[in-house]
Amino acid sequence: MKKIITVHGMRAENQWYYALKNLIGKRPNMEDINFEYGYFTLFQFLSIR
């Protein structure tokens, strides 16, 4: 089984990421391992330590 790692960027709202995730999920010999950062405001991003 092939594992494909995808990373969704901060503040990104791109539909291609979800389309790719669904496409990989339909393949019997592939597994999607995904990481999402979520949404950060500029203030939140600058205050992370």
Protein backbone atom coordinates (compact mmCIF):
# COMPACT_ATOMS: atom_id res chain seq x y z
CA MET A 1 0.00 0.00 0.00
CA LYS A 2 1.31 3.43 -0.95
CA LYS A 3 1.02 6.23 1.58
CA ILE A 4 0.71 9.78 0.34
CA ILE A 5 1.31 12.62 2.78
CA THR A 6 -0.45 15.90 2.07
CA VAL A 7 -0.05 19.13 3.99
CA HIS A 8 -2.63 21.88 3.80
CA GLY A 9 -1.08 25.29 4.32
CA MET A 10 -2.07 27.91 6.85
CA ARG A 11 -4.79 30.27 5.67
CA ALA A 12 -5.19 28.26 2.49
CA GLU A 13 -8.69 27.63 1.21
CA ASN A 14 -7.87 25.70 -1.93
CA GLN A 15 -10.36 23.17 -3.23
CA TRP A 16 -7.65 21.10 -4.97
CA TYR A 17 -6.51 19.78 -1.58
CA TYR A 18 -9.89 18.25 -0.79
CA ALA A 19 -10.34 16.96 -4.34
CA LEU A 20 -6.97 15.19 -4.15
CA LYS A 21 -7.81 13.75 -0.73
CA ASN A 22 -11.08 12.31 -2.07
CA LEU A 23 -9.38 10.94 -5.18
CA ILE A 24 -6.70 9.17 -3.14
CA GLY A 25 -9.36 7.75 -0.81
CA LYS A 26 -11.07 6.03 -3.75
CA ARG A 27 -7.94 4.11 -4.72
CA PRO A 28 -7.70 0.69 -3.02
CA ASN A 29 -3.90 0.66 -2.94
CA MET A 30 -3.35 4.19 -1.59
CA GLU A 31 -3.73 5.82 1.80
CA ASP A 32 -3.85 9.55 2.41
CA ILE A 33 -2.14 10.86 5.52
CA ASN A 34 -3.07 14.49 5.81
CA PHE A 35 -2.05 17.34 8.05
CA GLU A 36 -4.00 20.56 8.37
CA TYR A 37 -2.81 23.63 10.21
CA GLY A 38 -6.25 25.19 10.46
CA TYR A 39 -6.86 28.91 10.15
CA PHE A 40 -4.66 31.40 11.98
CA THR A 41 -5.16 35.13 12.14
CA LEU A 42 -2.00 37.20 11.83
CA PHE A 43 -2.12 37.96 15.55
CA GLN A 44 -2.39 34.27 16.44
CA PHE A 45 0.47 33.39 14.12
CA LEU A 46 2.75 36.03 15.62
CA SER A 47 1.89 35.08 19.19
CA ILE A 48 2.76 31.36 18.83
CA ARG A 49 5.90 30.41 20.72
